[in-house]
C-alpha atoms as a PDB file:
ATOM      1  CA  MET A   1    -162.132-140.337-136.396  1.00  0.00           C
ATOM      2  CA  GLN A   2    -163.923-141.879-133.392  1.00  0.00           C
ATOM      3  CA  SER A   3    -166.779-140.013-131.922  1.00  0.00           C
ATOM      4  CA  ARG A   4    -165.186-140.073-128.234  1.00  0.00           C
ATOM      5  CA  ASP A   5    -162.015-138.165-129.746  1.00  0.00           C
ATOM      6  CA  PHE A   6    -164.213-135.817-131.986  1.00  0.00           C
ATOM      7  CA  GLU A   7    -163.816-132.752-129.316  1.00  0.00           C
ATOM      8  CA  LYS A   8    -160.323-133.329-128.795  1.00  0.00           C
ATOM      9  CA  ARG A   9    -159.458-133.308-132.332  1.00  0.00           C
ATOM     10  CA  ASN A  10    -161.405-130.399-133.008  1.00  0.00           C
ATOM     11  CA  ALA A  11    -159.835-128.492-129.970  1.00  0.00           C
ATOM     12  CA  ALA A  12    -156.526-129.416-131.480  1.00  0.00           C
ATOM     13  CA  THR A  13    -157.542-127.817-134.902  1.00  0.00           C
ATOM     14  CA  GLN A  14    -158.301-124.691-132.972  1.00  0.00           C
ATOM     15  CA  ASP A  15    -154.915-124.872-131.278  1.00  0.00           C
ATOM     16  CA  LEU A  16    -153.080-125.263-134.424  1.00  0.00           C
ATOM     17  CA  SER A  17    -155.085-122.112-135.798  1.00  0.00           C
ATOM     18  CA  ARG A  18    -154.097-119.984-132.930  1.00  0.00           C
ATOM     19  CA  ARG A  19    -150.497-121.033-132.981  1.00  0.00           C
ATOM     20  CA  PHE A  20    -150.347-120.173-136.756  1.00  0.00           C
ATOM     21  CA  VAL A  21    -152.121-116.763-136.308  1.00  0.00           C
ATOM     22  CA  HIS A  22    -150.056-115.529-133.100  1.00  0.00           C
ATOM     23  CA  GLY A  23    -146.667-117.399-133.825  1.00  0.00           C
ATOM     24  CA  GLY A  24    -146.528-118.422-137.281  1.00  0.00           C
ATOM     25  CA  ALA A  25    -146.297-122.158-136.685  1.00  0.00           C
ATOM     26  CA  SER A  26    -146.134-123.949-140.002  1.00  0.00           C
ATOM     27  CA  PHE A  27    -148.022-126.948-139.855  1.00  0.00           C
ATOM     28  CA  ARG A  28    -149.345-127.259-143.608  1.00  0.00           C
ATOM     29  CA  SER A  29    -147.304-130.485-144.564  1.00  0.00           C
ATOM     30  CA  ARG A  30    -148.201-132.253-141.307  1.00  0.00           C
ATOM     31  CA  ILE A  31    -152.046-132.214-141.969  1.00  0.00           C
ATOM     32  CA  ALA A  32    -151.841-132.572-145.706  1.00  0.00           C
ATOM     33  CA  SER A  33    -149.786-135.821-145.422  1.00  0.00           C
ATOM     34  CA  GLY A  34    -152.846-137.830-144.666  1.00  0.00           C
ATOM     35  CA  ALA A  35    -154.696-137.060-147.754  1.00  0.00           C
ATOM     36  CA  LYS A  36    -152.479-139.792-149.816  1.00  0.00           C
ATOM     37  CA  ASN A  37    -154.337-142.412-148.265  1.00  0.00           C
ATOM     38  CA  ASN A  38    -157.543-140.811-147.495  1.00  0.00           C
ATOM     39  CA  ALA A  39    -156.736-141.021-143.790  1.00  0.00           C
ATOM     40  CA  GLU A  40    -158.902-138.529-141.532  1.00  0.00           C
ATOM     41  CA  ILE A  41    -156.119-138.724-138.696  1.00  0.00           C
ATOM     42  CA  ARG A  42    -152.289-139.392-138.656  1.00  0.00           C
ATOM     43  CA  GLY A  43    -150.522-142.012-137.170  1.00  0.00           C
ATOM     44  CA  GLY A  44    -148.109-141.546-134.509  1.00  0.00           C
ATOM     45  CA  ARG A  45    -146.663-138.171-133.125  1.00  0.00           C
ATOM     46  CA  PRO A  46    -144.433-136.050-135.407  1.00  0.00           C
ATOM     47  CA  LYS A  47    -140.867-135.236-134.279  1.00  0.00           C
ATOM     48  CA  VAL A  48    -140.768-131.425-133.572  1.00  0.00           C
ATOM     49  CA  ASP A  49    -138.784-129.593-131.101  1.00  0.00           C
ATOM     50  CA  ASP A  50    -141.750-128.239-129.132  1.00  0.00           C
ATOM     51  CA  LYS A  51    -143.459-131.430-127.363  1.00  0.00           C
ATOM     52  CA  LYS A  52    -146.895-129.684-126.751  1.00  0.00           C
ATOM     53  CA  PHE A  53    -146.807-128.695-130.502  1.00  0.00           C
ATOM     54  CA  GLY A  54    -146.119-132.325-131.368  1.00  0.00           C
ATOM     55  CA  ARG A  55    -149.313-133.660-129.112  1.00  0.00           C
ATOM     56  CA  VAL A  56    -151.361-131.127-130.889  1.00  0.00           C
ATOM     57  CA  LEU A  57    -150.298-132.270-134.384  1.00  0.00           C
ATOM     58  CA  ALA A  58    -150.905-135.789-133.249  1.00  0.00           C
ATOM     59  CA  MET A  59    -154.564-134.959-132.312  1.00  0.00           C
ATOM     60  CA  ALA A  60    -155.331-132.617-135.299  1.00  0.00           C
ATOM     61  CA  PRO A  61    -157.265-134.171-138.212  1.00  0.00           C
ATOM     62  CA  THR A  62    -155.761-134.065-141.726  1.00  0.00           C
ATOM     63  CA  TYR A  63    -157.330-132.110-144.457  1.00  0.00           C
ATOM     64  CA  VAL A  64    -159.564-134.859-145.210  1.00  0.00           C
ATOM     65  CA  GLY A  65    -160.646-135.330-141.703  1.00  0.00           C
ATOM     66  CA  LEU A  66    -161.375-131.416-141.597  1.00  0.00           C
ATOM     67  CA  GLU A  67    -163.450-131.830-144.741  1.00  0.00           C
ATOM     68  CA  ARG A  68    -165.581-134.577-143.517  1.00  0.00           C
ATOM     69  CA  THR A  69    -166.142-132.761-140.318  1.00  0.00           C
ATOM     70  CA  ILE A  70    -167.271-129.710-142.068  1.00  0.00           C
ATOM     71  CA  ARG A  71    -169.508-131.761-144.273  1.00  0.00           C
ATOM     72  CA  TYR A  72    -171.075-133.506-141.497  1.00  0.00           C
ATOM     73  CA  ALA A  73    -171.584-130.088-139.650  1.00  0.00           C
ATOM     74  CA  LEU A  74    -173.199-128.591-142.552  1.00  0.00           C
ATOM     75  CA  LEU A  75    -175.541-131.408-143.330  1.00  0.00           C
ATOM     76  CA  ARG A  76    -176.630-131.757-139.654  1.00  0.00           C
ATOM     77  CA  PHE A  77    -177.292-127.981-139.740  1.00  0.00           C
ATOM     78  CA  ALA A  78    -179.143-127.915-143.086  1.00  0.00           C
ATOM     79  CA  MET A  79    -181.498-131.167-141.777  1.00  0.00           C
ATOM     80  CA  GLY A  80    -182.219-129.386-138.449  1.00  0.00           C
ATOM     81  CA  SER A  81    -183.214-126.116-140.029  1.00  0.00           C
ATOM     82  CA  ASP A  82    -185.595-127.784-142.805  1.00  0.00           C
ATOM     83  CA  LEU A  83    -183.243-126.677-145.789  1.00  0.00           C
ATOM     84  CA  ILE A  84    -183.172-130.274-146.617  1.00  0.00           C
ATOM     85  CA  THR A  85    -186.264-132.490-146.750  1.00  0.00           C
ATOM     86  CA  GLU A  86    -186.146-136.278-146.650  1.00  0.00           C
END
């Protein structure tokens, strides 16, 4: 995941969450597919009927990418609050 895409990809994750909660949109298999080759993001745009949903899926990180993002954020928080000392 490139640092310049970080905010866009996290916004796409938020959009997926809203679509699931409010509309029941299923995306589990689409973000889990990158875990096979340890990819943080998917390549290409998935074929779905809703073009906007396809763009969101293309930008959203995989489970591996989400896990790495959360781990990085937690470590940065812990280092900033003196929970971890060097």
